[in-house]
Amino acid sequence: MINDNLIRNLGEQLGRFVSDARSREDMQQSLNTIVQNVFSRLDLVTREQFDAQLETLERTRAQLDHLEAEVARLQQQLSEQGSGKDA
């Protein structure tokens, strides 16, 4: 999910504008709750999930490139066989 330090730092920065310590603490806690709720509704993934998906896509792309080359080779082979029959 989101880094808790980021949320905490944001709360601390906004808390500088509030002089009363109790109000600042309440505001930081409320902000933390709000931000966590917002991020929980978003369709976010962890860095590990992103990296795993990227690796899968890279492997799939390599397989696709290989298959495209194989199809081109087979088409060339068929074309050569077809022109050999006509001669």
N, C-alpha and C. Protein backbone atom coordinates (compact mmCIF):
# COMPACT_ATOMS: atom_id res chain seq x y z
N MET A 1 0.85 -1.17 0.00
CA MET A 1 0.00 0.00 0.00
C MET A 1 0.89 1.23 0.00
N ILE A 2 0.46 2.28 0.63
CA ILE A 2 1.23 3.53 0.64
C ILE A 2 2.16 3.53 1.84
N ASN A 3 3.27 4.13 1.69
CA ASN A 3 4.26 4.21 2.75
C ASN A 3 3.70 5.03 3.92
N ASP A 4 3.67 4.44 5.11
CA ASP A 4 3.14 5.12 6.29
C ASP A 4 3.95 6.37 6.62
N ASN A 5 5.24 6.36 6.32
CA ASN A 5 6.08 7.53 6.58
C ASN A 5 5.62 8.73 5.77
N LEU A 6 5.18 8.49 4.54
CA LEU A 6 4.69 9.57 3.69
C LEU A 6 3.47 10.22 4.33
N ILE A 7 2.55 9.42 4.80
CA ILE A 7 1.34 9.93 5.43
C ILE A 7 1.70 10.67 6.72
N ARG A 8 2.57 10.06 7.50
CA ARG A 8 2.98 10.69 8.76
C ARG A 8 3.66 12.04 8.51
N ASN A 9 4.56 12.08 7.52
CA ASN A 9 5.25 13.33 7.20
C ASN A 9 4.28 14.40 6.73
N LEU A 10 3.31 14.01 5.94
CA LEU A 10 2.30 14.96 5.48
C LEU A 10 1.53 15.52 6.66
N GLY A 11 1.14 14.66 7.57
CA GLY A 11 0.42 15.09 8.77
C GLY A 11 1.25 16.03 9.62
N GLU A 12 2.54 15.73 9.75
CA GLU A 12 3.43 16.58 10.53
C GLU A 12 3.59 17.95 9.88
N GLN A 13 3.71 17.98 8.57
CA GLN A 13 3.86 19.25 7.87
C GLN A 13 2.61 20.11 8.03
N LEU A 14 1.45 19.50 7.89
CA LEU A 14 0.22 20.25 8.07
C LEU A 14 0.01 20.63 9.53
N GLY A 15 0.51 19.80 10.42
CA GLY A 15 0.39 20.07 11.85
C GLY A 15 1.15 21.30 12.30
N ARG A 16 2.13 21.71 11.56
CA ARG A 16 2.90 22.91 11.90
C ARG A 16 2.04 24.16 11.90
N PHE A 17 0.93 24.10 11.18
CA PHE A 17 0.04 25.26 11.09
C PHE A 17 -0.92 25.34 12.28
N VAL A 18 -0.98 24.30 13.07
CA VAL A 18 -1.87 24.26 14.23
C VAL A 18 -1.02 24.37 15.48
N SER A 19 -1.34 25.37 16.31
CA SER A 19 -0.50 25.62 17.49
C SER A 19 -0.82 24.69 18.66
N ASP A 20 -2.08 24.33 18.83
CA ASP A 20 -2.49 23.48 19.96
C ASP A 20 -2.06 22.03 19.70
N ALA A 21 -1.32 21.46 20.64
CA ALA A 21 -0.77 20.11 20.46
C ALA A 21 -1.88 19.07 20.30
N ARG A 22 -2.93 19.17 21.10
CA ARG A 22 -4.02 18.19 21.02
C ARG A 22 -4.75 18.30 19.68
N SER A 23 -4.99 19.52 19.24
CA SER A 23 -5.66 19.72 17.95
C SER A 23 -4.78 19.19 16.81
N ARG A 24 -3.48 19.42 16.93
CA ARG A 24 -2.55 18.96 15.92
C ARG A 24 -2.56 17.43 15.85
N GLU A 25 -2.55 16.79 17.01
CA GLU A 25 -2.58 15.33 17.05
C GLU A 25 -3.88 14.79 16.46
N ASP A 26 -5.00 15.42 16.79
CA ASP A 26 -6.29 15.01 16.24
C ASP A 26 -6.32 15.18 14.73
N MET A 27 -5.79 16.31 14.27
CA MET A 27 -5.77 16.58 12.83
C MET A 27 -4.90 15.55 12.11
N GLN A 28 -3.74 15.23 12.67
CA GLN A 28 -2.86 14.25 12.05
C GLN A 28 -3.51 12.87 11.99
N GLN A 29 -4.20 12.50 13.06
CA GLN A 29 -4.88 11.20 13.07
C GLN A 29 -6.01 11.18 12.05
N SER A 30 -6.77 12.27 11.97
CA SER A 30 -7.86 12.35 10.99
C SER A 30 -7.31 12.30 9.58
N LEU A 31 -6.25 13.03 9.34
CA LEU A 31 -5.63 13.02 8.01
C LEU A 31 -5.14 11.62 7.66
N ASN A 32 -4.52 10.95 8.61
CA ASN A 32 -4.04 9.59 8.38
C ASN A 32 -5.19 8.68 7.99
N THR A 33 -6.29 8.76 8.70
CA THR A 33 -7.46 7.93 8.41
C THR A 33 -8.02 8.25 7.03
N ILE A 34 -8.14 9.53 6.71
CA ILE A 34 -8.69 9.94 5.41
C ILE A 34 -7.81 9.43 4.28
N VAL A 35 -6.52 9.64 4.40
CA VAL A 35 -5.60 9.23 3.33
C VAL A 35 -5.61 7.71 3.17
N GLN A 36 -5.61 6.99 4.27
CA GLN A 36 -5.67 5.52 4.18
C GLN A 36 -6.95 5.07 3.48
N ASN A 37 -8.07 5.71 3.79
CA ASN A 37 -9.34 5.35 3.15
C ASN A 37 -9.31 5.65 1.65
N VAL A 38 -8.75 6.79 1.29
CA VAL A 38 -8.66 7.15 -0.13
C VAL A 38 -7.80 6.14 -0.87
N PHE A 39 -6.63 5.84 -0.33
CA PHE A 39 -5.74 4.91 -1.01
C PHE A 39 -6.30 3.49 -1.04
N SER A 40 -7.07 3.12 -0.04
CA SER A 40 -7.63 1.77 -0.06
C SER A 40 -8.67 1.60 -1.16
N ARG A 41 -9.30 2.71 -1.59
CA ARG A 41 -10.28 2.64 -2.67
C ARG A 41 -9.63 2.67 -4.05
N LEU A 42 -8.40 3.07 -4.11
CA LEU A 42 -7.70 3.10 -5.39
C LEU A 42 -7.20 1.71 -5.75
N ASP A 43 -7.03 1.49 -7.02
CA ASP A 43 -6.56 0.19 -7.50
C ASP A 43 -5.03 0.23 -7.59
N LEU A 44 -4.38 0.18 -6.43
CA LEU A 44 -2.93 0.28 -6.36
C LEU A 44 -2.32 -1.11 -6.15
N VAL A 45 -1.10 -1.27 -6.62
CA VAL A 45 -0.37 -2.51 -6.41
C VAL A 45 0.96 -2.19 -5.74
N THR A 46 1.53 -3.19 -5.12
CA THR A 46 2.83 -3.01 -4.50
C THR A 46 3.90 -3.02 -5.58
N ARG A 47 5.08 -2.57 -5.23
CA ARG A 47 6.20 -2.57 -6.17
C ARG A 47 6.53 -4.00 -6.58
N GLU A 48 6.43 -4.94 -5.63
CA GLU A 48 6.72 -6.34 -5.93
C GLU A 48 5.72 -6.89 -6.94
N GLN A 49 4.45 -6.54 -6.79
CA GLN A 49 3.44 -7.00 -7.74
C GLN A 49 3.68 -6.40 -9.11
N PHE A 50 4.04 -5.12 -9.13
CA PHE A 50 4.34 -4.45 -10.40
C PHE A 50 5.52 -5.11 -11.09
N ASP A 51 6.59 -5.36 -10.33
CA ASP A 51 7.79 -5.98 -10.91
C ASP A 51 7.50 -7.38 -11.43
N ALA A 52 6.69 -8.14 -10.70
CA ALA A 52 6.33 -9.49 -11.15
C ALA A 52 5.53 -9.43 -12.44
N GLN A 53 4.60 -8.50 -12.53
CA GLN A 53 3.80 -8.36 -13.75
C GLN A 53 4.68 -7.90 -14.91
N LEU A 54 5.61 -7.00 -14.65
CA LEU A 54 6.52 -6.52 -15.69
C LEU A 54 7.37 -7.68 -16.22
N GLU A 55 7.85 -8.52 -15.32
CA GLU A 55 8.65 -9.68 -15.73
C GLU A 55 7.82 -10.62 -16.60
N THR A 56 6.58 -10.85 -16.22
CA THR A 56 5.69 -11.70 -17.02
C THR A 56 5.47 -11.10 -18.40
N LEU A 57 5.25 -9.80 -18.46
CA LEU A 57 5.04 -9.15 -19.75
C LEU A 57 6.29 -9.21 -20.62
N GLU A 58 7.45 -9.08 -20.03
CA GLU A 58 8.70 -9.17 -20.79
C GLU A 58 8.90 -10.57 -21.37
N ARG A 59 8.59 -11.60 -20.56
CA ARG A 59 8.69 -12.98 -21.07
C ARG A 59 7.69 -13.21 -22.20
N THR A 60 6.49 -12.69 -22.03
CA THR A 60 5.46 -12.85 -23.05
C THR A 60 5.87 -12.14 -24.34
N ARG A 61 6.46 -10.98 -24.20
CA ARG A 61 6.91 -10.24 -25.39
C ARG A 61 8.02 -11.00 -26.12
N ALA A 62 8.93 -11.60 -25.36
CA ALA A 62 10.01 -12.38 -25.97
C ALA A 62 9.43 -13.59 -26.71
N GLN A 63 8.44 -14.25 -26.12
CA GLN A 63 7.80 -15.38 -26.78
C GLN A 63 7.08 -14.95 -28.05
N LEU A 64 6.41 -13.81 -27.99
CA LEU A 64 5.71 -13.29 -29.15
C LEU A 64 6.69 -12.97 -30.28
N ASP A 65 7.81 -12.33 -29.93
CA ASP A 65 8.83 -12.03 -30.95
C ASP A 65 9.35 -13.31 -31.59
N HIS A 66 9.58 -14.32 -30.76
CA HIS A 66 10.06 -15.61 -31.28
C HIS A 66 9.03 -16.23 -32.22
N LEU A 67 7.76 -16.22 -31.83
CA LEU A 67 6.72 -16.81 -32.66
C LEU A 67 6.53 -16.04 -33.96
N GLU A 68 6.63 -14.71 -33.91
CA GLU A 68 6.52 -13.91 -35.14
C GLU A 68 7.65 -14.25 -36.10
N ALA A 69 8.85 -14.43 -35.57
CA ALA A 69 9.98 -14.80 -36.42
C ALA A 69 9.77 -16.19 -37.02
N GLU A 70 9.25 -17.10 -36.23
CA GLU A 70 8.98 -18.46 -36.71
C GLU A 70 7.92 -18.45 -37.81
N VAL A 71 6.87 -17.67 -37.62
CA VAL A 71 5.82 -17.57 -38.65
C VAL A 71 6.41 -16.99 -39.93
N ALA A 72 7.22 -15.96 -39.82
CA ALA A 72 7.84 -15.36 -41.00
C ALA A 72 8.73 -16.38 -41.71
N ARG A 73 9.47 -17.17 -40.95
CA ARG A 73 10.33 -18.20 -41.55
C ARG A 73 9.50 -19.24 -42.27
N LEU A 74 8.41 -19.68 -41.65
CA LEU A 74 7.55 -20.69 -42.28
C LEU A 74 6.87 -20.13 -43.53
N GLN A 75 6.46 -18.87 -43.48
CA GLN A 75 5.86 -18.25 -44.67
C GLN A 75 6.88 -18.18 -45.81
N GLN A 76 8.10 -17.85 -45.48
CA GLN A 76 9.17 -17.79 -46.48
C GLN A 76 9.41 -19.18 -47.07
N GLN A 77 9.42 -20.17 -46.20
CA GLN A 77 9.64 -21.54 -46.65
C GLN A 77 8.51 -21.99 -47.58
N LEU A 78 7.27 -21.67 -47.24
CA LEU A 78 6.14 -22.03 -48.10
C LEU A 78 6.21 -21.29 -49.44
N SER A 79 6.61 -20.04 -49.37
CA SER A 79 6.73 -19.24 -50.59
C SER A 79 7.80 -19.83 -51.53
N GLU A 80 8.91 -20.26 -50.95
CA GLU A 80 9.97 -20.85 -51.75
C GLU A 80 9.53 -22.19 -52.33
N GLN A 81 8.79 -22.98 -51.55
CA GLN A 81 8.30 -24.26 -52.05
C GLN A 81 7.27 -24.05 -53.16
N GLY A 82 6.45 -23.03 -53.01
CA GLY A 82 5.44 -22.74 -54.02
C GLY A 82 6.06 -22.28 -55.32
N SER A 83 7.10 -21.47 -55.25
CA SER A 83 7.75 -20.98 -56.46
C SER A 83 8.59 -22.10 -57.09
N GLY A 84 9.04 -23.06 -56.32
CA GLY A 84 9.79 -24.20 -56.85
C GLY A 84 8.91 -25.13 -57.65
N LYS A 85 7.63 -25.27 -57.29
CA LYS A 85 6.70 -26.14 -58.00
C LYS A 85 6.33 -25.53 -59.34
N ASP A 86 6.26 -24.22 -59.39
CA ASP A 86 5.86 -23.56 -60.63
C ASP A 86 6.95 -23.64 -61.70
N ALA A 87 8.18 -23.82 -61.32
CA ALA A 87 9.30 -23.81 -62.28
C ALA A 87 9.43 -25.05 -63.06
